[in-house]
């Protein structure tokens, strides 16, 4: 994988992660979330963890799309 492919994966997934994080936390108060029944995290920790989770999910989706895309054609078409 080259740097260009990595940017094709990370930049769009960063934008999706930011938009998803903003949308989710506009509707959910981070202080209402309790992890494993006893652990309560600060707002900043939930915001950061949520953003990175959404970014990771979008990056995996982008990587899967790039992996499944057909390779570019390198041969030149015949001129008729």
C-alpha atoms as a PDB file:
ATOM      1  CA  UNK A   1       0.000   0.000   0.000  1.00  0.00           C
ATOM      2  CA  UNK A   2       1.419   3.386  -0.931  1.00  0.00           C
ATOM      3  CA  UNK A   3       0.938   6.815   0.658  1.00  0.00           C
ATOM      4  CA  UNK A   4      -1.662   7.839  -1.919  1.00  0.00           C
ATOM      5  CA  UNK A   5      -3.863   4.843  -1.088  1.00  0.00           C
ATOM      6  CA  UNK A   6      -3.468   5.565   2.599  1.00  0.00           C
ATOM      7  CA  UNK A   7      -4.704   9.131   2.070  1.00  0.00           C
ATOM      8  CA  UNK A   8      -7.629   7.826  -0.008  1.00  0.00           C
ATOM      9  CA  UNK A   9      -8.594   5.835   3.073  1.00  0.00           C
ATOM     10  CA  UNK A  10      -7.801   8.187   5.962  1.00  0.00           C
ATOM     11  CA  UNK A  11      -8.989  11.591   4.729  1.00  0.00           C
ATOM     12  CA  UNK A  12     -12.590  10.659   3.808  1.00  0.00           C
ATOM     13  CA  UNK A  13     -12.872   8.486   6.908  1.00  0.00           C
ATOM     14  CA  UNK A  14     -11.665  11.412   9.058  1.00  0.00           C
ATOM     15  CA  UNK A  15     -14.430  13.618   7.639  1.00  0.00           C
ATOM     16  CA  UNK A  16     -17.049  10.896   8.179  1.00  0.00           C
ATOM     17  CA  UNK A  17     -15.770  10.272  11.710  1.00  0.00           C
ATOM     18  CA  UNK A  18     -16.031  13.984  12.547  1.00  0.00           C
ATOM     19  CA  UNK A  19     -19.535  14.308  11.079  1.00  0.00           C
ATOM     20  CA  UNK A  20     -20.743  11.124  12.774  1.00  0.00           C
ATOM     21  CA  UNK A  21     -19.262  12.156  16.103  1.00  0.00           C
ATOM     22  CA  UNK A  22     -20.899  15.578  15.913  1.00  0.00           C
ATOM     23  CA  UNK A  23     -24.242  14.029  14.994  1.00  0.00           C
ATOM     24  CA  UNK A  24     -24.204  11.355  17.695  1.00  0.00           C
ATOM     25  CA  UNK A  25     -23.048  13.637  20.497  1.00  0.00           C
ATOM     26  CA  UNK A  26     -25.602  16.278  19.545  1.00  0.00           C
ATOM     27  CA  UNK A  27     -28.232  13.727  20.564  1.00  0.00           C
ATOM     28  CA  UNK A  28     -26.437  11.818  23.365  1.00  0.00           C
ATOM     29  CA  UNK A  29     -24.969  13.336  26.516  1.00  0.00           C
ATOM     30  CA  UNK A  30     -21.611  11.661  27.235  1.00  0.00           C
ATOM     31  CA  UNK A  31     -22.213  11.804  30.985  1.00  0.00           C
ATOM     32  CA  UNK A  32     -25.238   9.531  30.564  1.00  0.00           C
ATOM     33  CA  UNK A  33     -23.031   6.737  29.182  1.00  0.00           C
ATOM     34  CA  UNK A  34     -21.689   4.213  31.643  1.00  0.00           C
ATOM     35  CA  UNK A  35     -19.046   1.717  30.562  1.00  0.00           C
ATOM     36  CA  UNK A  36     -19.412  -1.861  31.861  1.00  0.00           C
ATOM     37  CA  UNK A  37     -21.892  -0.811  34.526  1.00  0.00           C
ATOM     38  CA  UNK A  38     -19.449   0.904  36.869  1.00  0.00           C
ATOM     39  CA  UNK A  39     -16.939   2.995  34.929  1.00  0.00           C
ATOM     40  CA  UNK A  40     -18.027   6.545  34.174  1.00  0.00           C
ATOM     41  CA  UNK A  41     -15.718   8.548  31.917  1.00  0.00           C
ATOM     42  CA  UNK A  42     -15.331  12.288  31.495  1.00  0.00           C
ATOM     43  CA  UNK A  43     -16.973  14.104  28.587  1.00  0.00           C
ATOM     44  CA  UNK A  44     -13.646  14.647  26.842  1.00  0.00           C
ATOM     45  CA  UNK A  45     -12.756  10.957  27.082  1.00  0.00           C
ATOM     46  CA  UNK A  46     -16.110   9.916  25.610  1.00  0.00           C
ATOM     47  CA  UNK A  47     -15.856  12.520  22.830  1.00  0.00           C
ATOM     48  CA  UNK A  48     -12.326  11.402  21.936  1.00  0.00           C
ATOM     49  CA  UNK A  49     -13.110   7.693  22.181  1.00  0.00           C
ATOM     50  CA  UNK A  50     -16.278   8.085  20.121  1.00  0.00           C
ATOM     51  CA  UNK A  51     -14.489  10.085  17.437  1.00  0.00           C
ATOM     52  CA  UNK A  52     -11.680   7.544  17.124  1.00  0.00           C
ATOM     53  CA  UNK A  53     -14.151   4.660  17.084  1.00  0.00           C
ATOM     54  CA  UNK A  54     -16.185   6.304  14.295  1.00  0.00           C
ATOM     55  CA  UNK A  55     -12.967   7.177  12.405  1.00  0.00           C
ATOM     56  CA  UNK A  56     -11.751   3.572  12.684  1.00  0.00           C
ATOM     57  CA  UNK A  57     -15.059   2.171  11.442  1.00  0.00           C
ATOM     58  CA  UNK A  58     -15.091   4.549   8.460  1.00  0.00           C
ATOM     59  CA  UNK A  59     -11.419   3.804   7.710  1.00  0.00           C
ATOM     60  CA  UNK A  60     -12.104   0.067   7.680  1.00  0.00           C
ATOM     61  CA  UNK A  61     -15.010   0.656   5.313  1.00  0.00           C
ATOM     62  CA  UNK A  62     -12.863   2.791   2.996  1.00  0.00           C
ATOM     63  CA  UNK A  63     -10.026   0.257   3.087  1.00  0.00           C
ATOM     64  CA  UNK A  64     -12.414  -2.557   2.216  1.00  0.00           C
ATOM     65  CA  UNK A  65     -13.783  -0.535  -0.714  1.00  0.00           C
ATOM     66  CA  UNK A  66     -10.266   0.184  -1.988  1.00  0.00           C
ATOM     67  CA  UNK A  67      -9.284  -3.469  -1.547  1.00  0.00           C
ATOM     68  CA  UNK A  68     -12.305  -4.658  -3.539  1.00  0.00           C
ATOM     69  CA  UNK A  69     -11.882  -2.089  -6.346  1.00  0.00           C
ATOM     70  CA  UNK A  70     -10.535  -3.472  -9.614  1.00  0.00           C
ATOM     71  CA  UNK A  71      -6.907  -2.588 -10.377  1.00  0.00           C
ATOM     72  CA  UNK A  72      -6.373   0.287 -12.799  1.00  0.00           C
ATOM     73  CA  UNK A  73      -5.867  -0.608 -16.446  1.00  0.00           C
ATOM     74  CA  UNK A  74      -2.310  -0.056 -17.590  1.00  0.00           C
ATOM     75  CA  UNK A  75      -2.675  -1.234 -21.169  1.00  0.00           C
ATOM     76  CA  UNK A  76      -3.643   1.184 -23.877  1.00  0.00           C
ATOM     77  CA  UNK A  77      -6.837   0.543 -25.836  1.00  0.00           C
ATOM     78  CA  UNK A  78      -6.598  -0.429 -29.476  1.00  0.00           C
ATOM     79  CA  UNK A  79      -7.300   2.338 -31.963  1.00  0.00           C
ATOM     80  CA  UNK A  80      -9.771   1.283 -34.630  1.00  0.00           C
END
